[in-house]
Amino acid sequence: MDSFWKKKLEGFNTERKNEEYERWVASTLAPWNRQTGYRERKYQNSSEITIKEVYTKEDVQDLEKKLGMPGEYPFTRGIYPNMYRGKLWTMRMFSGFGTPEDTNRRLHYLIENGETGLSIAFDMPTLYGYDADNPRSEGEIGKCGVNVSTLRDMETIFKGIDLSKVSTSMTINAPAAILTAMYLAIAKKQGVPFDKVSGTVQADILKEYIAQKEWMYPPEAHIRIIRDMMVYCTKNVPKWNYISISGYHIREAGSSAVQELAFTLADGFYYVDLGIKAGLNVDDFAPRLSFFFNSSINFFEEIAKMRAARRIWATVMKEKYGAKNPRSMMLRFHTQTSGYTLTWQQPLNNIIRTTIEAMAAVLGGTQSLHTNSYDEAWALPSDGAVKVALRTQQIIAEESGIPDVIDPLGGSYYVEWLTDKMEEEAYRYFDRIESMGGILEAIKKGYIQKEIADTSYKRQKRLESGDEIMVGVNKYVEEGEEPINYLKIDKKAEEAQIARLREIKRTRDEAKVKKALEDLRRAMLDDNENLMPYYIRAVESYATVQEISDVGREIFGSWKEPVIV
């Protein structure tokens, strides 16, 4: 019997005969090219989709049916009826560096300058579940995000910030349950009921095995922890998005736009299956799943990708999973402009790149947006650079007129054809992945990783040959460029964090810590036990991130990815 994906693929026929286009090529374009001496070359986007010179209505099938109206199934034109007329996207600038005090100051600075949502980045030791005083952490404290070893660090990060009045996104995966527990512990201390706590934790561990490579345990162990987060938060923290299914890092690892679209949604469908297997009704938990996409430099490809993502998610949730609640079918997503398009050469060019990418995200219908700073190819952003990045969003919102009309590119023959094509190619990947036993098996076999590596290699070859241009890198190059002033993390940040950690260990109730960790260890041995209450009690006792993570390392062991070369 044909699979769901094969049946969906039968509905595509993007290679239709276009008589008007063929007439125009023969009678108008070809003579013009001969007259002007133009030599045709092959135009392709990042997904290796060949692009024609022009598109007509003959290239687009069932336009009105696939489009729909804003706020209505299949949500191609946006998930809300009035989109940005009703409420602008959340300007959620990625923050976090150095010590918790440094990050607290940056958060207050951004709030004062008009940011409407908080977003926290963590350093490498925290992402891997190690404390500041671990030898592996040396030289990495506060370098790519803020360092967190205990609840005291999180309390400092959010000092003076009322959790009932902000929405916070945390980019953390392997220790996501621990950091979520810390956030909830702070809410309890502030007297904020859990049903008033809103925000997102990334927690997309499948993406880690695919692209970012920051895991602690084998896949099955992390997936069990995610299941427990889903169940606990569905019942107790209704405004908390417990998974932000992330294509961003898949794209940063070198994937094409189609691969980002397909692999991200495949991850999302896996988490839907996980929730259903845990006994949850799809309409009780699916509305809390959110997504995180990259917006790269190929303007129309990115817009088409986001529109296709909404349509695929809505269609599959309705037809495959039987969702009845429209919110289960609404693909809500955060967008970040591309990091891999930023260059250390001629860094002010990055302001233009980021502006183009931010416009694509808005035209694609994002719910929140982070704009990268021009100096991020050098280091974490400085205050001045991050203000320019925030002002970029504000100018698009307040001056450009782009938010005034919902889906202003809807009905464009090219955009609609490309949206269809991206959708079709994503379904081809879904079919392939299912034939391998599902996304988890495809990851374990290295298939997904190899697809991305091959795409990244081909792009690098195009850059080296000059077939693909990066301004200031392989064309319009300037010799003798001087380094710019950029943010440097002082060694004192590491010393301060280690000192704070030692003080916590000296003053905490060790018996309470020991009991909390032992209770967690017993719970980990029982697959029927939900781990979230144990994580919360452990962080409230001021057990450290590593102490909690090490219990899992003892129980679950580690994991090594397959060789793909």
Protein backbone atom coordinates (compact mmCIF):
# COMPACT_ATOMS: atom_id res chain seq x y z
CA MET A 1 0.00 0.00 0.00
CA ASP A 2 1.30 3.46 -0.88
CA SER A 3 2.42 5.57 2.04
CA PHE A 4 0.84 8.90 2.98
CA TRP A 5 3.83 10.69 1.44
CA LYS A 6 3.59 8.85 -1.89
CA LYS A 7 -0.07 9.72 -2.14
CA LYS A 8 0.71 13.38 -1.52
CA LEU A 9 3.41 13.32 -4.21
CA GLU A 10 0.85 12.11 -6.75
CA GLY A 11 -0.83 15.50 -6.49
CA PHE A 12 2.15 17.38 -7.89
CA ASN A 13 2.80 18.05 -11.55
CA THR A 14 5.19 20.99 -11.63
CA GLU A 15 6.59 20.13 -15.08
CA ARG A 16 3.47 21.09 -17.01
CA LYS A 17 3.73 22.17 -20.65
CA ASN A 18 3.57 25.97 -20.89
CA GLU A 19 2.75 26.86 -24.48
CA GLU A 20 2.76 30.63 -23.91
CA TYR A 21 6.25 30.47 -22.37
CA GLU A 22 7.55 28.33 -25.23
CA ARG A 23 6.08 30.72 -27.80
CA TRP A 24 7.70 33.71 -26.05
CA VAL A 25 11.10 31.98 -25.87
CA ALA A 26 11.05 31.13 -29.58
CA SER A 27 9.65 34.37 -30.94
CA THR A 28 10.92 37.07 -28.57
CA LEU A 29 13.63 35.94 -26.14
CA ALA A 30 15.83 33.85 -28.44
CA PRO A 31 16.08 36.56 -31.17
CA TRP A 32 16.85 39.16 -28.50
CA ASN A 33 19.61 37.01 -27.01
CA ARG A 34 21.15 36.50 -30.45
CA GLN A 35 20.98 40.22 -31.20
CA THR A 36 22.56 41.25 -27.87
CA GLY A 37 25.10 38.41 -27.73
CA TYR A 38 23.74 37.13 -24.41
CA ARG A 39 24.93 33.62 -23.54
CA GLU A 40 22.49 31.77 -21.36
CA ARG A 41 23.70 30.19 -18.12
CA LYS A 42 21.96 27.93 -15.63
CA TYR A 43 20.24 29.73 -12.76
CA GLN A 44 19.70 27.67 -9.61
CA ASN A 45 18.90 28.45 -6.01
CA SER A 46 20.44 26.78 -2.93
CA SER A 47 18.12 23.79 -3.37
CA GLU A 48 19.41 23.20 -6.91
CA ILE A 49 16.00 24.10 -8.29
CA THR A 50 16.45 25.48 -11.79
CA ILE A 51 14.85 28.90 -12.23
CA LYS A 52 13.31 30.06 -15.52
CA GLU A 53 13.42 33.63 -16.82
CA VAL A 54 9.73 34.28 -16.16
CA TYR A 55 6.64 32.54 -14.79
CA THR A 56 3.02 32.68 -15.92
CA LYS A 57 -0.35 31.41 -14.70
CA GLU A 58 0.33 28.18 -16.60
CA ASP A 59 3.07 27.35 -14.08
CA VAL A 60 0.71 27.39 -11.10
CA GLN A 61 -2.02 24.82 -10.41
CA ASP A 62 -5.10 25.24 -8.21
CA LEU A 63 -3.87 28.62 -7.01
CA GLU A 64 -6.90 29.72 -4.99
CA LYS A 65 -7.30 26.32 -3.33
CA LYS A 66 -3.66 26.22 -2.23
CA LEU A 67 -3.60 29.86 -1.19
CA GLY A 68 -6.70 30.15 0.94
CA MET A 69 -7.09 33.31 3.02
CA PRO A 70 -5.01 34.53 5.98
CA GLY A 71 -5.87 32.80 9.22
CA GLU A 72 -7.62 29.94 7.41
CA TYR A 73 -6.53 26.44 6.42
CA PRO A 74 -4.03 25.69 4.88
CA PHE A 75 -2.49 28.92 6.26
CA THR A 76 -0.27 29.51 3.21
CA ARG A 77 -0.87 33.26 3.56
CA GLY A 78 -0.29 33.44 7.32
CA ILE A 79 -1.65 31.96 10.52
CA TYR A 80 -3.52 35.06 11.76
CA PRO A 81 -6.39 36.82 9.95
CA ASN A 82 -4.83 40.30 10.14
CA MET A 83 -1.17 39.30 10.61
CA TYR A 84 1.06 42.34 11.29
CA ARG A 85 -1.81 44.83 11.12
CA GLY A 86 -3.06 43.32 14.35
CA LYS A 87 0.30 42.70 16.00
CA LEU A 88 3.83 43.08 14.72
CA TRP A 89 6.19 40.14 14.94
CA THR A 90 8.06 39.87 18.23
CA MET A 91 11.51 41.46 18.01
CA ARG A 92 13.43 38.83 19.93
CA MET A 93 17.14 39.62 19.83
CA PHE A 94 19.43 36.73 20.77
CA SER A 95 21.32 37.72 23.93
CA GLY A 96 23.66 36.15 26.40
CA PHE A 97 27.38 36.43 26.98
CA GLY A 98 29.94 36.48 29.77
CA THR A 99 28.56 36.36 33.28
CA PRO A 100 24.90 36.40 34.30
CA GLU A 101 25.40 40.04 35.34
CA ASP A 102 26.63 40.89 31.80
CA THR A 103 23.58 39.24 30.28
CA ASN A 104 21.18 40.87 32.72
CA ARG A 105 22.52 44.29 31.69
CA ARG A 106 22.16 43.41 27.98
CA LEU A 107 18.55 42.25 28.49
CA HIS A 108 17.63 45.48 30.25
CA TYR A 109 19.42 47.46 27.51
CA LEU A 110 17.40 45.73 24.78
CA ILE A 111 14.11 46.15 26.64
CA GLU A 112 14.85 49.87 27.01
CA ASN A 113 15.51 50.09 23.24
CA GLY A 114 12.22 48.49 22.26
CA GLU A 115 12.79 44.73 22.26
CA THR A 116 9.52 42.89 22.80
CA GLY A 117 10.75 39.39 23.70
CA LEU A 118 13.80 37.94 25.44
CA SER A 119 16.09 35.32 23.93
CA ILE A 120 18.96 33.71 25.82
CA ALA A 121 22.07 32.05 24.38
CA PHE A 122 24.24 29.83 26.57
CA ASP A 123 27.94 29.06 26.42
CA MET A 124 29.46 25.75 25.36
CA PRO A 125 29.95 24.31 28.88
CA THR A 126 26.28 24.94 29.68
CA LEU A 127 25.14 23.50 26.34
CA TYR A 128 27.05 20.29 27.06
CA GLY A 129 25.99 20.08 30.71
CA TYR A 130 29.31 20.97 32.37
CA ASP A 131 29.95 23.36 35.25
CA ALA A 132 32.22 26.40 35.14
CA ASP A 133 34.91 24.67 37.22
CA ASN A 134 35.19 21.61 34.96
CA PRO A 135 38.59 21.46 33.17
CA ARG A 136 36.70 21.08 29.86
CA SER A 137 35.15 24.52 30.45
CA GLU A 138 38.45 26.36 30.61
CA GLY A 139 38.62 29.17 28.07
CA GLU A 140 34.97 28.76 27.04
CA ILE A 141 33.14 30.48 29.89
CA GLY A 142 30.78 33.12 28.53
CA LYS A 143 32.30 33.03 25.04
CA CYS A 144 29.30 32.06 22.86
CA GLY A 145 26.57 32.77 25.40
CA VAL A 146 26.01 33.19 29.10
CA ASN A 147 27.34 30.67 31.60
CA VAL A 148 24.88 28.90 33.91
CA SER A 149 26.02 26.38 36.50
CA THR A 150 23.29 26.73 39.15
CA LEU A 151 19.92 28.30 39.80
CA ARG A 152 21.74 31.30 41.29
CA ASP A 153 23.08 32.17 37.83
CA MET A 154 19.56 32.12 36.36
CA GLU A 155 18.28 34.25 39.23
CA THR A 156 20.94 36.83 38.38
CA ILE A 157 20.13 36.78 34.64
CA PHE A 158 16.48 37.63 35.36
CA LYS A 159 17.05 40.07 38.23
CA GLY A 160 14.57 42.92 37.92
CA ILE A 161 12.60 41.15 35.16
CA ASP A 162 9.03 40.06 35.96
CA LEU A 163 8.47 36.66 34.35
CA SER A 164 4.72 37.28 34.21
CA LYS A 165 5.32 40.19 31.80
CA VAL A 166 7.89 38.75 29.39
CA SER A 167 8.13 35.88 26.96
CA THR A 168 11.54 34.22 27.04
CA SER A 169 13.15 31.94 24.48
CA MET A 170 16.09 29.80 25.56
CA THR A 171 18.37 28.16 23.01
CA ILE A 172 19.32 25.04 24.92
CA ASN A 173 18.92 21.42 23.90
CA ALA A 174 20.69 18.60 25.75
CA PRO A 175 20.13 20.19 29.22
CA ALA A 176 16.81 21.78 28.16
CA ALA A 177 14.83 20.13 30.95
CA ILE A 178 17.30 21.45 33.55
CA LEU A 179 17.11 25.05 32.28
CA THR A 180 13.31 24.81 31.99
CA ALA A 181 13.23 23.63 35.61
CA MET A 182 15.36 26.64 36.60
CA TYR A 183 13.02 29.04 34.82
CA LEU A 184 10.02 27.51 36.55
CA ALA A 185 11.85 27.66 39.90
CA ILE A 186 12.40 31.42 39.40
CA ALA A 187 8.71 31.84 38.53
CA LYS A 188 7.81 30.11 41.81
CA LYS A 189 10.14 32.44 43.73
CA GLN A 190 8.54 35.46 42.05
CA GLY A 191 5.07 34.14 42.86
CA VAL A 192 4.18 33.77 39.18
CA PRO A 193 1.72 30.87 38.61
CA PHE A 194 2.88 28.35 36.02
CA ASP A 195 -0.16 29.09 33.86
CA LYS A 196 1.16 32.67 33.48
CA VAL A 197 4.67 31.59 32.45
CA SER A 198 5.23 31.99 28.69
CA GLY A 199 8.16 31.33 26.42
CA THR A 200 10.03 28.66 24.54
CA VAL A 201 12.83 26.23 25.15
CA GLN A 202 14.45 24.76 22.06
CA ALA A 203 14.90 21.14 23.25
CA ASP A 204 15.12 19.83 19.67
CA ILE A 205 17.56 16.99 20.25
CA LEU A 206 17.07 15.42 16.81
CA LYS A 207 18.54 18.59 15.32
CA GLU A 208 21.56 18.20 17.59
CA TYR A 209 22.35 14.78 16.17
CA ILE A 210 21.81 16.13 12.65
CA ALA A 211 23.69 19.41 12.80
CA GLN A 212 24.84 21.07 16.01
CA LYS A 213 26.37 18.03 17.72
CA GLU A 214 25.66 19.06 21.32
CA TRP A 215 24.21 16.03 23.07
CA MET A 216 24.88 14.27 26.36
CA TYR A 217 23.16 10.88 26.05
CA PRO A 218 22.04 8.43 23.36
CA PRO A 219 19.02 9.60 21.31
CA GLU A 220 16.47 7.40 23.08
CA ALA A 221 17.37 8.88 26.50
CA HIS A 222 17.03 12.46 25.34
CA ILE A 223 13.75 11.64 23.59
CA ARG A 224 12.39 10.18 26.84
CA ILE A 225 13.27 13.46 28.61
CA ILE A 226 11.54 15.48 25.87
CA ARG A 227 8.47 13.25 26.23
CA ASP A 228 8.40 14.02 29.95
CA MET A 229 8.68 17.76 29.26
CA MET A 230 5.81 17.55 26.78
CA VAL A 231 3.55 15.73 29.21
CA TYR A 232 4.45 17.89 32.23
CA CYS A 233 4.15 21.22 30.45
CA THR A 234 0.95 20.27 28.62
CA LYS A 235 -0.64 19.64 32.01
CA ASN A 236 1.04 22.35 34.12
CA VAL A 237 2.60 25.14 31.99
CA PRO A 238 0.06 25.72 29.19
CA LYS A 239 1.78 28.79 27.68
CA TRP A 240 5.23 27.21 27.51
CA ASN A 241 6.47 25.98 24.12
CA TYR A 242 8.47 22.95 25.19
CA ILE A 243 10.04 22.27 21.80
CA SER A 244 11.19 24.78 19.20
CA ILE A 245 11.86 22.50 16.26
CA SER A 246 14.92 24.04 14.72
CA GLY A 247 15.88 24.23 11.09
CA TYR A 248 18.22 27.10 11.79
CA HIS A 249 21.19 24.96 12.77
CA ILE A 250 20.48 22.48 9.98
CA ARG A 251 20.88 25.37 7.54
CA GLU A 252 23.96 26.71 9.32
CA ALA A 253 25.52 23.24 8.95
CA GLY A 254 25.32 23.66 5.18
CA SER A 255 21.92 22.37 4.08
CA SER A 256 19.87 23.81 1.25
CA ALA A 257 16.55 25.57 1.86
CA VAL A 258 14.61 22.46 0.82
CA GLN A 259 16.68 20.26 3.14
CA GLU A 260 16.10 22.68 6.02
CA LEU A 261 12.37 22.60 5.28
CA ALA A 262 12.12 18.82 4.95
CA PHE A 263 14.39 17.74 7.80
CA THR A 264 12.88 20.26 10.22
CA LEU A 265 9.31 19.21 9.51
CA ALA A 266 10.31 15.53 9.63
CA ASP A 267 11.65 16.19 13.14
CA GLY A 268 8.37 17.91 13.98
CA PHE A 269 6.29 14.95 12.83
CA TYR A 270 8.47 12.67 14.97
CA TYR A 271 7.66 14.78 18.06
CA VAL A 272 3.95 14.60 17.18
CA ASP A 273 4.24 10.81 17.11
CA LEU A 274 6.09 10.97 20.43
CA GLY A 275 3.31 12.94 22.10
CA ILE A 276 0.63 10.61 20.78
CA LYS A 277 2.56 7.55 21.99
CA ALA A 278 2.80 9.20 25.42
CA GLY A 279 -0.99 9.18 25.58
CA LEU A 280 -1.62 12.83 24.75
CA ASN A 281 -4.41 13.94 22.44
CA VAL A 282 -2.85 15.63 19.41
CA ASP A 283 -5.00 18.74 19.88
CA ASP A 284 -3.88 19.05 23.51
CA PHE A 285 -0.17 19.36 22.76
CA ALA A 286 0.41 20.19 19.07
CA PRO A 287 -0.59 23.87 19.50
CA ARG A 288 2.45 24.29 21.77
CA LEU A 289 4.95 23.02 19.21
CA SER A 290 6.83 25.87 17.57
CA PHE A 291 9.52 26.12 14.91
CA PHE A 292 12.74 28.03 14.28
CA PHE A 293 13.84 28.77 10.72
CA ASN A 294 16.85 30.36 9.08
CA SER A 295 16.32 33.25 6.68
CA SER A 296 19.18 33.24 4.21
CA ILE A 297 20.17 35.51 1.35
CA ASN A 298 18.17 34.04 -1.58
CA PHE A 299 15.17 36.30 -1.06
CA PHE A 300 12.36 34.50 -2.88
CA GLU A 301 13.56 31.01 -1.96
CA GLU A 302 13.28 31.88 1.74
CA ILE A 303 9.80 33.37 1.37
CA ALA A 304 8.63 30.29 -0.57
CA LYS A 305 10.17 27.98 2.05
CA MET A 306 8.22 29.59 4.89
CA ARG A 307 4.95 29.58 2.96
CA ALA A 308 5.47 25.92 1.99
CA ALA A 309 6.26 25.03 5.62
CA ARG A 310 2.93 26.38 6.82
CA ARG A 311 0.99 24.55 4.12
CA ILE A 312 2.76 21.22 4.67
CA TRP A 313 2.32 21.36 8.44
CA ALA A 314 -1.38 22.22 8.21
CA THR A 315 -2.05 19.53 5.60
CA VAL A 316 -0.20 16.74 7.41
CA MET A 317 -1.63 17.61 10.83
CA LYS A 318 -5.15 17.51 9.40
CA GLU A 319 -4.90 14.59 6.99
CA LYS A 320 -2.35 12.29 8.65
CA TYR A 321 -2.81 13.03 12.35
CA GLY A 322 -6.51 13.91 12.35
CA ALA A 323 -6.10 17.22 14.17
CA LYS A 324 -9.37 19.10 14.65
CA ASN A 325 -8.16 22.24 16.45
CA PRO A 326 -7.01 24.85 13.89
CA ARG A 327 -4.20 25.83 16.30
CA SER A 328 -2.73 22.34 15.89
CA MET A 329 -2.43 23.09 12.18
CA MET A 330 -0.88 26.54 12.59
CA LEU A 331 2.87 26.44 12.11
CA ARG A 332 4.19 29.19 14.38
CA PHE A 333 7.85 30.02 13.94
CA HIS A 334 10.71 32.24 15.00
CA THR A 335 13.25 33.30 12.40
CA GLN A 336 16.89 34.29 12.66
CA THR A 337 18.81 35.83 9.81
CA SER A 338 21.65 33.72 8.49
CA GLY A 339 24.97 33.38 10.27
CA TYR A 340 26.78 31.61 7.46
CA THR A 341 26.19 34.51 5.05
CA LEU A 342 28.00 36.91 7.39
CA THR A 343 31.60 37.64 6.45
CA TRP A 344 34.53 38.97 8.43
CA GLN A 345 35.65 40.70 5.25
CA GLN A 346 33.98 44.11 4.76
CA PRO A 347 31.71 43.48 7.78
CA LEU A 348 29.46 46.50 7.16
CA ASN A 349 28.16 44.61 4.11
CA ASN A 350 26.53 42.29 6.65
CA ILE A 351 24.02 45.04 7.53
CA ILE A 352 22.69 44.84 3.95
CA ARG A 353 22.63 41.04 3.98
CA THR A 354 20.75 41.00 7.27
CA THR A 355 18.23 43.57 5.99
CA ILE A 356 17.43 41.46 2.92
CA GLU A 357 17.09 38.33 5.06
CA ALA A 358 14.89 40.11 7.62
CA MET A 359 12.59 41.38 4.85
CA ALA A 360 12.28 37.81 3.53
CA ALA A 361 11.31 36.60 7.02
CA VAL A 362 8.63 39.26 7.36
CA LEU A 363 7.28 38.62 3.86
CA GLY A 364 7.34 34.92 4.73
CA GLY A 365 5.08 35.54 7.75
CA THR A 366 7.33 34.92 10.77
CA GLN A 367 5.97 35.33 14.32
CA SER A 368 9.23 36.57 15.82
CA LEU A 369 12.58 37.63 14.45
CA HIS A 370 16.21 37.97 15.46
CA THR A 371 18.47 40.03 13.22
CA ASN A 372 22.18 39.23 13.33
CA SER A 373 24.68 41.97 14.03
CA TYR A 374 27.26 43.00 11.45
CA ASP A 375 30.20 42.06 13.71
CA GLU A 376 29.13 38.47 14.46
CA ALA A 377 31.60 36.95 12.00
CA TRP A 378 34.21 38.32 14.44
CA ALA A 379 32.64 37.69 17.84
CA LEU A 380 29.47 38.02 19.89
CA PRO A 381 27.79 41.35 19.04
CA SER A 382 28.74 44.63 20.69
CA ASP A 383 26.10 46.96 22.10
CA GLY A 384 26.36 49.30 19.10
CA ALA A 385 26.08 46.51 16.54
CA VAL A 386 23.12 44.86 18.25
CA LYS A 387 21.30 48.21 18.33
CA VAL A 388 21.74 48.56 14.54
CA ALA A 389 20.37 45.02 14.13
CA LEU A 390 17.33 45.86 16.26
CA ARG A 391 16.81 49.17 14.45
CA THR A 392 16.81 47.20 11.15
CA GLN A 393 13.68 45.38 12.30
CA GLN A 394 12.10 48.57 13.57
CA ILE A 395 12.66 50.36 10.24
CA ILE A 396 11.08 47.44 8.35
CA ALA A 397 8.16 47.53 10.80
CA GLU A 398 7.60 51.27 10.98
CA GLU A 399 8.85 52.76 7.69
CA SER A 400 8.86 50.21 4.86
CA GLY A 401 5.13 49.56 4.45
CA ILE A 402 5.83 45.83 4.15
CA PRO A 403 3.65 44.88 7.16
CA ASP A 404 0.67 46.87 5.86
CA VAL A 405 -0.58 44.10 3.53
CA ILE A 406 -0.89 40.42 4.40
CA ASP A 407 1.24 38.15 2.21
CA PRO A 408 1.90 40.86 -0.40
CA LEU A 409 3.69 38.42 -2.71
CA GLY A 410 0.78 35.96 -2.67
CA GLY A 411 -0.39 35.34 -6.22
CA SER A 412 3.01 36.05 -7.74
CA TYR A 413 3.42 33.37 -10.39
CA TYR A 414 7.07 32.86 -9.44
CA VAL A 415 6.50 32.79 -5.68
CA GLU A 416 3.55 30.41 -5.99
CA TRP A 417 5.41 28.11 -8.40
CA LEU A 418 8.44 28.06 -6.11
CA THR A 419 6.27 27.43 -3.04
CA ASP A 420 4.74 24.44 -4.83
CA LYS A 421 8.17 23.19 -5.87
CA MET A 422 9.60 23.46 -2.35
CA GLU A 423 6.56 21.59 -1.03
CA GLU A 424 6.96 18.83 -3.60
CA GLU A 425 10.68 18.36 -2.90
CA ALA A 426 10.02 18.23 0.86
CA TYR A 427 7.48 15.42 0.34
CA ARG A 428 10.13 13.53 -1.67
CA TYR A 429 12.42 13.69 1.35
CA PHE A 430 9.61 12.58 3.70
CA ASP A 431 9.03 9.54 1.50
CA ARG A 432 12.74 8.68 1.45
CA ILE A 433 13.04 9.09 5.21
CA GLU A 434 10.03 6.83 5.83
CA SER A 435 11.57 4.15 3.59
CA MET A 436 14.61 4.16 5.90
CA GLY A 437 12.50 3.53 9.01
CA GLY A 438 11.84 7.13 10.02
CA ILE A 439 13.85 10.19 10.93
CA LEU A 440 15.60 8.65 13.95
CA GLU A 441 16.85 5.70 11.91
CA ALA A 442 17.89 8.04 9.08
CA ILE A 443 19.97 10.02 11.59
CA LYS A 444 21.52 6.90 13.12
CA LYS A 445 22.51 5.70 9.65
CA GLY A 446 24.05 9.10 8.87
CA TYR A 447 21.78 9.70 5.86
CA ILE A 448 20.61 13.17 6.91
CA GLN A 449 24.12 14.25 7.91
CA LYS A 450 25.55 13.08 4.58
CA GLU A 451 22.90 14.90 2.57
CA ILE A 452 23.83 18.14 4.33
CA ALA A 453 27.58 17.53 4.03
CA ASP A 454 27.27 16.91 0.29
CA THR A 455 25.30 20.12 -0.19
CA SER A 456 27.80 22.12 1.85
CA TYR A 457 30.72 20.69 -0.14
CA LYS A 458 29.08 21.58 -3.46
CA ARG A 459 28.48 25.15 -2.32
CA GLN A 460 32.09 25.55 -1.23
CA LYS A 461 33.23 24.34 -4.65
CA ARG A 462 30.94 26.92 -6.32
CA LEU A 463 32.43 29.67 -4.17
CA GLU A 464 35.98 28.59 -4.96
CA SER A 465 35.26 28.47 -8.70
CA GLY A 466 33.44 31.80 -8.69
CA ASP A 467 30.17 30.25 -9.87
CA GLU A 468 28.62 31.65 -6.69
CA ILE A 469 29.50 35.17 -5.59
CA MET A 470 30.03 36.51 -2.08
CA VAL A 471 30.71 40.23 -2.27
CA GLY A 472 33.98 41.10 -0.58
CA VAL A 473 35.04 37.45 -0.40
CA ASN A 474 35.51 36.21 -3.96
CA LYS A 475 34.53 39.39 -5.84
CA TYR A 476 35.06 43.09 -5.13
CA VAL A 477 37.79 42.09 -2.69
CA GLU A 478 39.73 44.76 -0.78
CA GLU A 479 43.29 44.12 0.30
CA GLY A 480 44.75 45.10 3.64
CA GLU A 481 41.53 45.31 5.64
CA GLU A 482 41.98 46.35 9.26
CA PRO A 483 40.34 44.39 12.10
CA ILE A 484 37.23 46.02 13.56
CA ASN A 485 36.58 46.66 17.24
CA TYR A 486 34.59 43.75 18.58
CA LEU A 487 33.33 42.38 21.88
CA LYS A 488 35.94 40.54 23.94
CA ILE A 489 35.05 38.40 26.92
CA ASP A 490 37.41 39.10 29.79
CA LYS A 491 39.09 36.19 31.60
CA LYS A 492 37.55 37.68 34.74
CA ALA A 493 34.17 36.28 33.63
CA GLU A 494 35.53 32.76 34.06
CA GLU A 495 37.08 33.58 37.43
CA ALA A 496 33.84 35.18 38.65
CA GLN A 497 31.74 32.18 37.61
CA ILE A 498 34.05 29.69 39.29
CA ALA A 499 34.07 31.80 42.47
CA ARG A 500 30.26 32.00 42.50
CA LEU A 501 29.97 28.24 41.95
CA ARG A 502 32.34 27.49 44.82
CA GLU A 503 30.37 29.81 47.10
CA ILE A 504 27.10 28.04 46.23
CA LYS A 505 28.65 24.64 46.93
CA ARG A 506 30.03 25.91 50.25
CA THR A 507 26.73 27.33 51.51
CA ARG A 508 24.03 25.01 50.15
CA ASP A 509 22.39 22.16 52.09
CA GLU A 510 24.40 19.16 50.90
CA ALA A 511 21.97 16.63 52.37
CA LYS A 512 19.15 18.23 50.38
CA VAL A 513 21.27 18.13 47.20
CA LYS A 514 22.21 14.49 47.73
CA LYS A 515 18.59 13.45 48.26
CA ALA A 516 17.37 15.38 45.20
CA LEU A 517 20.01 13.76 42.98
CA GLU A 518 19.32 10.29 44.37
CA ASP A 519 15.58 10.74 43.78
CA LEU A 520 16.35 11.84 40.21
CA ARG A 521 18.55 8.79 39.67
CA ARG A 522 15.75 6.44 40.78
CA ALA A 523 13.25 8.24 38.56
CA MET A 524 15.55 7.90 35.55
CA LEU A 525 15.58 4.14 36.06
CA ASP A 526 11.77 4.04 35.83
CA ASP A 527 10.58 4.89 32.32
CA ASN A 528 7.06 5.47 33.64
CA GLU A 529 8.20 8.24 35.98
CA ASN A 530 8.01 11.84 34.73
CA LEU A 531 11.39 13.49 35.35
CA MET A 532 10.34 17.15 35.40
CA PRO A 533 9.31 17.38 39.08
CA TYR A 534 12.65 15.78 40.01
CA TYR A 535 14.59 18.28 37.87
CA ILE A 536 12.73 21.14 39.56
CA ARG A 537 13.52 19.85 43.05
CA ALA A 538 17.16 19.28 42.09
CA VAL A 539 17.71 22.83 40.80
CA GLU A 540 15.85 24.28 43.80
CA SER A 541 18.37 22.52 46.05
CA TYR A 542 21.11 24.29 44.03
CA ALA A 543 22.41 21.09 42.53
CA THR A 544 24.57 22.13 39.59
CA VAL A 545 23.93 21.64 35.89
CA GLN A 546 26.76 19.10 35.74
CA GLU A 547 25.73 17.21 38.87
CA ILE A 548 22.26 16.76 37.41
CA SER A 549 23.61 15.92 33.94
CA ASP A 550 26.08 13.41 35.37
CA VAL A 551 23.24 11.39 36.89
CA GLY A 552 21.98 10.89 33.36
CA ARG A 553 25.45 10.09 32.06
CA GLU A 554 25.72 7.37 34.70
CA ILE A 555 22.29 5.89 33.86
CA PHE A 556 22.09 6.37 30.10
CA GLY A 557 25.72 6.40 28.92
CA SER A 558 26.93 8.35 25.88
CA TRP A 559 26.58 8.15 22.09
CA LYS A 560 28.88 8.32 19.08
CA GLU A 561 27.61 9.31 15.66
CA PRO A 562 28.19 7.22 12.53
CA VAL A 563 31.05 7.96 10.14
CA ILE A 564 29.60 9.51 6.98
CA VAL A 565 32.67 10.19 4.82
